[in-house]
Amino acid sequence: MGKRIIVQRRGRGTPTFRAATHKRIAPASYPPLSENQRISMVKGIVQRIVHEPGRGAPLGLIKTESGDEFYTVIPEGVAVGQEISLGKAAPIEIGNVILLGSIPEGTIVCNIECAPSDGGKIARSSGAYASVVAHTPEGTVLKLPSGKTTSLGDLCRATIGVVAGAGRVDKPFLKAGPRYHLMAARGRFFPRVKGVAMIAAYHPFGGGRHKHPGKPTVVARGAPPGRKVGSIAARRTGWGARKRREEKA
């Protein structure tokens, strides 16, 4: 009997290839936007700062004066016991959560909402931040971590500051073990071996002394398990396609 190739094993969805979600603490999300936050502000206290497996940025538990609690990513400079403010009238200080329409131009922000009350979607990884470029009738213009600019609604919320944990990726792993455990916490497969480096029984691109696939690397969307490897339903491949994508960006 042969051995199922890795693509088939991953497709079954066994625990080997699933993230250990039971170790996670809580989603990093703002509470629903209340009317008080829309017109004034609500104060809260940082109860504790914790690490969540698979997440590079530290999480902070915030308890508001109304008794609500929520976890959110913590920017640099925020400590346990610090008071933060949420709402339109909150001062421009590190850690405060403010509506984008009330944030001055040039301010550095993180954990930005794409739509009001969605909890925060942009610039949430360690060391990430965006900057407020301008305020227009259509909304607030932001420069994202990628360098791209976008416009979001004035009622979207953002945290003042840079997400803590900057420089995390600058230190190399050195050994495969720590990298394996990080990838396992995120539900990603590691290590990844090239198909051309395998034998023919383990991968469609395997076999032979010369390291080349030996067949077209573009496969159909409906290819059966075991053959669905390589460039899946690719319209264009190669250096020319990558160059065109960069020019559009």
C-alpha atoms as a PDB file:
ATOM      1  CA  MET A   1       0.000   0.000   0.000  1.00  0.00           C
ATOM      2  CA  GLY A   2       1.119   3.474  -0.779  1.00  0.00           C
ATOM      3  CA  LYS A   3       1.011   6.486   1.442  1.00  0.00           C
ATOM      4  CA  ARG A   4      -1.424   9.364   1.098  1.00  0.00           C
ATOM      5  CA  ILE A   5       0.373  12.514   0.009  1.00  0.00           C
ATOM      6  CA  ILE A   6       0.378  15.506   2.346  1.00  0.00           C
ATOM      7  CA  VAL A   7      -2.271  17.375   0.331  1.00  0.00           C
ATOM      8  CA  GLN A   8      -4.747  14.544   0.884  1.00  0.00           C
ATOM      9  CA  ARG A   9      -3.944  14.249   4.590  1.00  0.00           C
ATOM     10  CA  ARG A  10      -4.424  17.973   5.184  1.00  0.00           C
ATOM     11  CA  GLY A  11      -7.738  17.909   3.351  1.00  0.00           C
ATOM     12  CA  ARG A  12      -9.202  15.449   5.856  1.00  0.00           C
ATOM     13  CA  GLY A  13      -9.034  18.060   8.593  1.00  0.00           C
ATOM     14  CA  THR A  14      -7.577  15.867  11.318  1.00  0.00           C
ATOM     15  CA  PRO A  15      -6.238  17.436  14.560  1.00  0.00           C
ATOM     16  CA  THR A  16      -2.682  17.178  13.221  1.00  0.00           C
ATOM     17  CA  PHE A  17      -3.416  20.019  10.829  1.00  0.00           C
ATOM     18  CA  ARG A  18      -5.754  22.099  13.012  1.00  0.00           C
ATOM     19  CA  ALA A  19      -4.864  24.961  15.327  1.00  0.00           C
ATOM     20  CA  ALA A  20      -5.202  24.355  19.084  1.00  0.00           C
ATOM     21  CA  THR A  21      -7.965  26.934  19.470  1.00  0.00           C
ATOM     22  CA  HIS A  22      -8.793  25.813  23.020  1.00  0.00           C
ATOM     23  CA  LYS A  23      -5.637  27.639  24.160  1.00  0.00           C
ATOM     24  CA  ARG A  24      -6.797  30.982  22.825  1.00  0.00           C
ATOM     25  CA  ILE A  25      -7.968  33.595  25.287  1.00  0.00           C
ATOM     26  CA  ALA A  26     -10.451  35.832  23.489  1.00  0.00           C
ATOM     27  CA  PRO A  27     -10.973  37.752  20.246  1.00  0.00           C
ATOM     28  CA  ALA A  28      -9.263  41.151  20.116  1.00  0.00           C
ATOM     29  CA  SER A  29     -12.257  43.361  19.487  1.00  0.00           C
ATOM     30  CA  TYR A  30     -13.784  46.659  20.557  1.00  0.00           C
ATOM     31  CA  PRO A  31     -17.180  46.599  22.280  1.00  0.00           C
ATOM     32  CA  PRO A  32     -20.206  47.735  20.241  1.00  0.00           C
ATOM     33  CA  LEU A  33     -20.228  51.494  19.625  1.00  0.00           C
ATOM     34  CA  SER A  34     -22.606  53.039  22.193  1.00  0.00           C
ATOM     35  CA  GLU A  35     -24.335  56.381  21.895  1.00  0.00           C
ATOM     36  CA  ASN A  36     -22.225  57.707  24.770  1.00  0.00           C
ATOM     37  CA  GLN A  37     -19.018  56.859  22.878  1.00  0.00           C
ATOM     38  CA  ARG A  38     -20.442  58.425  19.726  1.00  0.00           C
ATOM     39  CA  ILE A  39     -20.907  61.840  21.349  1.00  0.00           C
ATOM     40  CA  SER A  40     -18.647  61.861  24.444  1.00  0.00           C
ATOM     41  CA  MET A  41     -16.394  59.212  26.003  1.00  0.00           C
ATOM     42  CA  VAL A  42     -16.203  56.277  28.416  1.00  0.00           C
ATOM     43  CA  LYS A  43     -13.238  55.567  30.694  1.00  0.00           C
ATOM     44  CA  GLY A  44     -11.661  52.177  31.353  1.00  0.00           C
ATOM     45  CA  ILE A  45      -8.775  50.541  33.202  1.00  0.00           C
ATOM     46  CA  VAL A  46      -6.222  48.054  31.850  1.00  0.00           C
ATOM     47  CA  GLN A  47      -6.751  45.048  34.132  1.00  0.00           C
ATOM     48  CA  ARG A  48      -4.015  42.795  32.758  1.00  0.00           C
ATOM     49  CA  ILE A  49      -1.805  42.172  29.728  1.00  0.00           C
ATOM     50  CA  VAL A  50      -1.501  38.580  28.505  1.00  0.00           C
ATOM     51  CA  HIS A  51       0.046  36.535  25.697  1.00  0.00           C
ATOM     52  CA  GLU A  52      -2.129  34.416  23.413  1.00  0.00           C
ATOM     53  CA  PRO A  53      -0.581  31.453  21.528  1.00  0.00           C
ATOM     54  CA  GLY A  54      -0.225  32.177  17.832  1.00  0.00           C
ATOM     55  CA  ARG A  55      -0.604  35.946  18.281  1.00  0.00           C
ATOM     56  CA  GLY A  56       2.467  38.164  18.161  1.00  0.00           C
ATOM     57  CA  ALA A  57       0.847  41.216  19.763  1.00  0.00           C
ATOM     58  CA  PRO A  58       0.005  41.231  23.493  1.00  0.00           C
ATOM     59  CA  LEU A  59      -3.646  41.333  24.517  1.00  0.00           C
ATOM     60  CA  GLY A  60      -5.001  43.661  27.178  1.00  0.00           C
ATOM     61  CA  LEU A  61      -8.146  43.194  29.257  1.00  0.00           C
ATOM     62  CA  ILE A  62      -9.998  46.502  29.534  1.00  0.00           C
ATOM     63  CA  LYS A  63     -12.793  47.087  32.055  1.00  0.00           C
ATOM     64  CA  THR A  64     -14.918  50.177  31.462  1.00  0.00           C
ATOM     65  CA  GLU A  65     -16.652  52.263  34.117  1.00  0.00           C
ATOM     66  CA  SER A  66     -19.977  50.763  33.003  1.00  0.00           C
ATOM     67  CA  GLY A  67     -18.724  47.282  33.940  1.00  0.00           C
ATOM     68  CA  ASP A  68     -18.105  45.966  30.413  1.00  0.00           C
ATOM     69  CA  GLU A  69     -14.931  43.993  29.718  1.00  0.00           C
ATOM     70  CA  PHE A  70     -13.171  43.343  26.406  1.00  0.00           C
ATOM     71  CA  TYR A  71      -9.788  42.269  25.083  1.00  0.00           C
ATOM     72  CA  THR A  72      -7.867  44.355  22.565  1.00  0.00           C
ATOM     73  CA  VAL A  73      -4.317  44.593  21.195  1.00  0.00           C
ATOM     74  CA  ILE A  74      -2.144  46.823  23.353  1.00  0.00           C
ATOM     75  CA  PRO A  75       0.023  49.634  21.901  1.00  0.00           C
ATOM     76  CA  GLU A  76       3.530  50.416  23.107  1.00  0.00           C
ATOM     77  CA  GLY A  77       3.631  52.422  26.332  1.00  0.00           C
ATOM     78  CA  VAL A  78       0.419  51.079  27.900  1.00  0.00           C
ATOM     79  CA  ALA A  79       0.761  49.398  31.314  1.00  0.00           C
ATOM     80  CA  VAL A  80      -1.449  47.515  33.744  1.00  0.00           C
ATOM     81  CA  GLY A  81      -3.570  49.894  35.809  1.00  0.00           C
ATOM     82  CA  GLN A  82      -3.438  52.658  33.224  1.00  0.00           C
ATOM     83  CA  GLU A  83      -6.625  54.567  32.487  1.00  0.00           C
ATOM     84  CA  ILE A  84      -7.751  54.741  28.878  1.00  0.00           C
ATOM     85  CA  SER A  85     -10.666  56.542  27.258  1.00  0.00           C
ATOM     86  CA  LEU A  86     -13.039  55.441  24.526  1.00  0.00           C
ATOM     87  CA  GLY A  87     -15.158  57.780  22.432  1.00  0.00           C
ATOM     88  CA  LYS A  88     -15.277  60.881  20.305  1.00  0.00           C
ATOM     89  CA  ALA A  89     -14.248  63.282  23.081  1.00  0.00           C
ATOM     90  CA  ALA A  90     -11.289  61.189  24.317  1.00  0.00           C
ATOM     91  CA  PRO A  91      -7.913  63.005  24.346  1.00  0.00           C
ATOM     92  CA  ILE A  92      -5.235  62.133  21.794  1.00  0.00           C
ATOM     93  CA  GLU A  93      -3.114  59.929  24.068  1.00  0.00           C
ATOM     94  CA  ILE A  94      -1.495  56.529  23.531  1.00  0.00           C
ATOM     95  CA  GLY A  95      -3.952  53.715  24.237  1.00  0.00           C
ATOM     96  CA  ASN A  96      -7.151  55.726  23.810  1.00  0.00           C
ATOM     97  CA  VAL A  97      -9.783  54.484  21.370  1.00  0.00           C
ATOM     98  CA  ILE A  98     -11.186  57.345  19.295  1.00  0.00           C
ATOM     99  CA  LEU A  99     -13.375  57.818  16.226  1.00  0.00           C
ATOM    100  CA  LEU A 100     -11.324  58.370  13.074  1.00  0.00           C
ATOM    101  CA  GLY A 101     -13.179  61.583  12.317  1.00  0.00           C
ATOM    102  CA  SER A 102     -11.890  63.068  15.590  1.00  0.00           C
ATOM    103  CA  ILE A 103      -8.224  62.095  15.173  1.00  0.00           C
ATOM    104  CA  PRO A 104      -5.904  64.890  13.913  1.00  0.00           C
ATOM    105  CA  GLU A 105      -3.941  64.480  10.704  1.00  0.00           C
ATOM    106  CA  GLY A 106      -0.515  62.912  11.112  1.00  0.00           C
ATOM    107  CA  THR A 107      -1.509  60.813  14.143  1.00  0.00           C
ATOM    108  CA  ILE A 108      -0.291  57.212  14.276  1.00  0.00           C
ATOM    109  CA  VAL A 109      -3.066  54.692  14.951  1.00  0.00           C
ATOM    110  CA  CYS A 110      -3.567  50.915  15.072  1.00  0.00           C
ATOM    111  CA  ASN A 111      -6.363  48.316  15.341  1.00  0.00           C
ATOM    112  CA  ILE A 112      -8.561  50.224  12.894  1.00  0.00           C
ATOM    113  CA  GLU A 113     -12.146  49.350  12.064  1.00  0.00           C
ATOM    114  CA  CYS A 114     -13.188  48.962   8.422  1.00  0.00           C
ATOM    115  CA  ALA A 115     -16.823  49.593   9.329  1.00  0.00           C
ATOM    116  CA  PRO A 116     -18.317  51.031  12.533  1.00  0.00           C
ATOM    117  CA  SER A 117     -18.518  48.455  15.347  1.00  0.00           C
ATOM    118  CA  ASP A 118     -16.732  45.649  13.464  1.00  0.00           C
ATOM    119  CA  GLY A 119     -14.191  45.430  16.310  1.00  0.00           C
ATOM    120  CA  GLY A 120     -11.004  46.352  14.441  1.00  0.00           C
ATOM    121  CA  LYS A 121      -9.464  44.757  11.342  1.00  0.00           C
ATOM    122  CA  ILE A 122      -6.399  46.753  10.180  1.00  0.00           C
ATOM    123  CA  ALA A 123      -2.884  47.122  11.715  1.00  0.00           C
ATOM    124  CA  ARG A 124      -3.232  44.578  14.510  1.00  0.00           C
ATOM    125  CA  SER A 125       0.058  42.648  14.289  1.00  0.00           C
ATOM    126  CA  SER A 126       3.055  43.434  16.473  1.00  0.00           C
ATOM    127  CA  GLY A 127       4.742  46.709  15.486  1.00  0.00           C
ATOM    128  CA  ALA A 128       2.038  47.598  12.938  1.00  0.00           C
ATOM    129  CA  TYR A 129       0.529  51.054  12.577  1.00  0.00           C
ATOM    130  CA  ALA A 130      -1.189  53.356  10.110  1.00  0.00           C
ATOM    131  CA  SER A 131      -1.231  57.141   9.918  1.00  0.00           C
ATOM    132  CA  VAL A 132      -4.074  59.584   9.391  1.00  0.00           C
ATOM    133  CA  VAL A 133      -3.396  61.512   6.183  1.00  0.00           C
ATOM    134  CA  ALA A 134      -6.435  63.762   5.713  1.00  0.00           C
ATOM    135  CA  HIS A 135     -10.115  64.280   6.436  1.00  0.00           C
ATOM    136  CA  THR A 136     -12.452  64.532   3.426  1.00  0.00           C
ATOM    137  CA  PRO A 137     -16.242  64.697   2.952  1.00  0.00           C
ATOM    138  CA  GLU A 138     -16.117  60.998   1.965  1.00  0.00           C
ATOM    139  CA  GLY A 139     -14.254  59.954   5.137  1.00  0.00           C
ATOM    140  CA  THR A 140     -10.799  59.761   6.688  1.00  0.00           C
ATOM    141  CA  VAL A 141      -7.804  58.958   4.473  1.00  0.00           C
ATOM    142  CA  LEU A 142      -5.288  56.560   6.027  1.00  0.00           C
ATOM    143  CA  LYS A 143      -1.853  55.391   4.968  1.00  0.00           C
ATOM    144  CA  LEU A 144      -1.808  51.655   5.714  1.00  0.00           C
ATOM    145  CA  PRO A 145       1.204  49.581   6.834  1.00  0.00           C
ATOM    146  CA  SER A 146       1.631  48.409   3.220  1.00  0.00           C
ATOM    147  CA  GLY A 147       2.045  52.015   2.052  1.00  0.00           C
ATOM    148  CA  LYS A 148      -1.301  52.029   0.300  1.00  0.00           C
ATOM    149  CA  THR A 149      -3.839  54.775   1.108  1.00  0.00           C
ATOM    150  CA  THR A 150      -7.515  54.133   1.712  1.00  0.00           C
ATOM    151  CA  SER A 151     -10.575  56.023   2.908  1.00  0.00           C
ATOM    152  CA  LEU A 152     -12.681  54.855   5.868  1.00  0.00           C
ATOM    153  CA  GLY A 153     -15.790  56.201   7.579  1.00  0.00           C
ATOM    154  CA  ASP A 154     -15.458  58.823  10.290  1.00  0.00           C
ATOM    155  CA  LEU A 155     -17.363  56.624  12.773  1.00  0.00           C
ATOM    156  CA  CYS A 156     -14.774  53.843  12.562  1.00  0.00           C
ATOM    157  CA  ARG A 157     -12.631  53.526  15.687  1.00  0.00           C
ATOM    158  CA  ALA A 158      -8.857  53.260  16.080  1.00  0.00           C
ATOM    159  CA  THR A 159      -6.357  53.074  18.931  1.00  0.00           C
ATOM    160  CA  ILE A 160      -3.704  55.768  19.254  1.00  0.00           C
ATOM    161  CA  GLY A 161      -0.161  54.383  19.035  1.00  0.00           C
ATOM    162  CA  VAL A 162       1.869  51.501  17.598  1.00  0.00           C
ATOM    163  CA  VAL A 163       1.022  47.892  18.431  1.00  0.00           C
ATOM    164  CA  ALA A 164       3.430  46.515  21.046  1.00  0.00           C
ATOM    165  CA  GLY A 165       5.923  43.779  20.212  1.00  0.00           C
ATOM    166  CA  ALA A 166       7.750  45.576  17.396  1.00  0.00           C
ATOM    167  CA  GLY A 167      10.901  43.798  16.249  1.00  0.00           C
ATOM    168  CA  ARG A 168       9.527  40.354  17.023  1.00  0.00           C
ATOM    169  CA  VAL A 169      10.317  39.011  13.550  1.00  0.00           C
ATOM    170  CA  ASP A 170      13.848  40.490  13.576  1.00  0.00           C
ATOM    171  CA  LYS A 171      15.157  37.741  15.848  1.00  0.00           C
ATOM    172  CA  PRO A 172      15.711  34.483  13.931  1.00  0.00           C
ATOM    173  CA  PHE A 173      14.236  31.220  15.200  1.00  0.00           C
ATOM    174  CA  LEU A 174      17.640  29.460  14.982  1.00  0.00           C
ATOM    175  CA  LYS A 175      16.059  26.014  15.445  1.00  0.00           C
ATOM    176  CA  ALA A 176      13.179  24.281  13.694  1.00  0.00           C
ATOM    177  CA  GLY A 177      11.429  23.335  16.952  1.00  0.00           C
ATOM    178  CA  PRO A 178      10.319  26.841  18.018  1.00  0.00           C
ATOM    179  CA  ARG A 179       9.182  27.565  14.472  1.00  0.00           C
ATOM    180  CA  TYR A 180       7.186  24.345  14.395  1.00  0.00           C
ATOM    181  CA  HIS A 181       5.319  25.228  17.593  1.00  0.00           C
ATOM    182  CA  LEU A 182       4.515  28.723  16.320  1.00  0.00           C
ATOM    183  CA  MET A 183       3.113  27.346  13.075  1.00  0.00           C
ATOM    184  CA  ALA A 184       1.146  24.687  14.962  1.00  0.00           C
ATOM    185  CA  ALA A 185      -0.448  27.356  17.157  1.00  0.00           C
ATOM    186  CA  ARG A 186      -1.616  29.109  13.989  1.00  0.00           C
ATOM    187  CA  GLY A 187      -2.854  25.937  12.358  1.00  0.00           C
ATOM    188  CA  ARG A 188      -0.247  26.055   9.583  1.00  0.00           C
ATOM    189  CA  PHE A 189       1.707  23.129   8.247  1.00  0.00           C
ATOM    190  CA  PHE A 190       5.445  23.043   8.898  1.00  0.00           C
ATOM    191  CA  PRO A 191       7.947  22.109   7.583  1.00  0.00           C
ATOM    192  CA  ARG A 192       6.994  22.481   3.930  1.00  0.00           C
ATOM    193  CA  VAL A 193       8.942  20.262   1.544  1.00  0.00           C
ATOM    194  CA  LYS A 194       9.101  21.003  -2.166  1.00  0.00           C
ATOM    195  CA  GLY A 195       7.146  18.566  -4.290  1.00  0.00           C
ATOM    196  CA  VAL A 196      10.045  18.137  -6.705  1.00  0.00           C
ATOM    197  CA  ALA A 197      12.218  16.959  -3.799  1.00  0.00           C
ATOM    198  CA  MET A 198       9.855  14.040  -3.047  1.00  0.00           C
ATOM    199  CA  ILE A 199       9.572  10.684  -4.728  1.00  0.00           C
ATOM    200  CA  ALA A 200       6.850  10.101  -7.305  1.00  0.00           C
ATOM    201  CA  ALA A 201       4.688   8.163  -4.827  1.00  0.00           C
ATOM    202  CA  TYR A 202       4.385  11.161  -2.490  1.00  0.00           C
ATOM    203  CA  HIS A 203       3.760  14.036  -4.889  1.00  0.00           C
ATOM    204  CA  PRO A 204       2.734  14.565  -8.548  1.00  0.00           C
ATOM    205  CA  PHE A 205       5.883  16.662  -9.094  1.00  0.00           C
ATOM    206  CA  GLY A 206       8.205  14.110  -7.470  1.00  0.00           C
ATOM    207  CA  GLY A 207      10.570  11.565  -8.980  1.00  0.00           C
ATOM    208  CA  GLY A 208      13.626  11.802 -11.157  1.00  0.00           C
ATOM    209  CA  ARG A 209      17.134  13.087 -10.631  1.00  0.00           C
ATOM    210  CA  HIS A 210      16.366  16.473 -12.183  1.00  0.00           C
ATOM    211  CA  LYS A 211      14.431  18.820  -9.916  1.00  0.00           C
ATOM    212  CA  HIS A 212      11.575  19.863 -12.199  1.00  0.00           C
ATOM    213  CA  PRO A 213       7.853  19.005 -12.077  1.00  0.00           C
ATOM    214  CA  GLY A 214       7.814  17.107 -15.352  1.00  0.00           C
ATOM    215  CA  LYS A 215       4.234  18.214 -16.071  1.00  0.00           C
ATOM    216  CA  PRO A 216       2.212  21.458 -16.176  1.00  0.00           C
ATOM    217  CA  THR A 217       2.053  23.095 -12.738  1.00  0.00           C
ATOM    218  CA  VAL A 218      -1.348  24.742 -13.377  1.00  0.00           C
ATOM    219  CA  VAL A 219      -4.272  22.519 -12.392  1.00  0.00           C
ATOM    220  CA  ALA A 220      -8.025  22.948 -12.705  1.00  0.00           C
ATOM    221  CA  ARG A 221     -10.181  24.151  -9.851  1.00  0.00           C
ATOM    222  CA  GLY A 222     -12.016  20.836  -9.804  1.00  0.00           C
ATOM    223  CA  ALA A 223      -8.932  18.624  -9.868  1.00  0.00           C
ATOM    224  CA  PRO A 224      -9.238  15.560  -7.598  1.00  0.00           C
ATOM    225  CA  PRO A 225      -7.446  15.374  -4.219  1.00  0.00           C
ATOM    226  CA  GLY A 226      -3.872  14.337  -4.760  1.00  0.00           C
ATOM    227  CA  ARG A 227      -3.595  16.092  -8.103  1.00  0.00           C
ATOM    228  CA  LYS A 228      -4.702  19.521  -6.918  1.00  0.00           C
ATOM    229  CA  VAL A 229      -1.197  20.874  -6.297  1.00  0.00           C
ATOM    230  CA  GLY A 230       0.776  23.734  -7.805  1.00  0.00           C
ATOM    231  CA  SER A 231      -0.876  26.805  -9.333  1.00  0.00           C
ATOM    232  CA  ILE A 232      -4.576  26.146  -8.818  1.00  0.00           C
ATOM    233  CA  ALA A 233      -6.771  27.682 -11.547  1.00  0.00           C
ATOM    234  CA  ALA A 234      -4.111  30.320 -12.278  1.00  0.00           C
ATOM    235  CA  ARG A 235      -4.954  32.781 -15.050  1.00  0.00           C
ATOM    236  CA  ARG A 236      -1.341  33.829 -15.454  1.00  0.00           C
ATOM    237  CA  THR A 237       1.924  32.607 -13.970  1.00  0.00           C
ATOM    238  CA  GLY A 238       5.564  33.524 -14.007  1.00  0.00           C
ATOM    239  CA  TRP A 239       7.650  36.646 -13.782  1.00  0.00           C
ATOM    240  CA  GLY A 240       5.523  38.634 -16.241  1.00  0.00           C
ATOM    241  CA  ALA A 241       2.339  38.127 -14.216  1.00  0.00           C
ATOM    242  CA  ARG A 242       4.093  39.177 -11.007  1.00  0.00           C
ATOM    243  CA  LYS A 243       5.455  42.292 -12.691  1.00  0.00           C
ATOM    244  CA  ARG A 244       1.982  43.265 -13.946  1.00  0.00           C
ATOM    245  CA  ARG A 245       0.534  42.866 -10.447  1.00  0.00           C
ATOM    246  CA  GLU A 246       3.254  45.113  -8.995  1.00  0.00           C
ATOM    247  CA  GLU A 247       2.615  47.754 -11.645  1.00  0.00           C
ATOM    248  CA  LYS A 248      -1.118  47.798 -10.827  1.00  0.00           C
ATOM    249  CA  ALA A 249      -0.370  48.146  -7.119  1.00  0.00           C
END
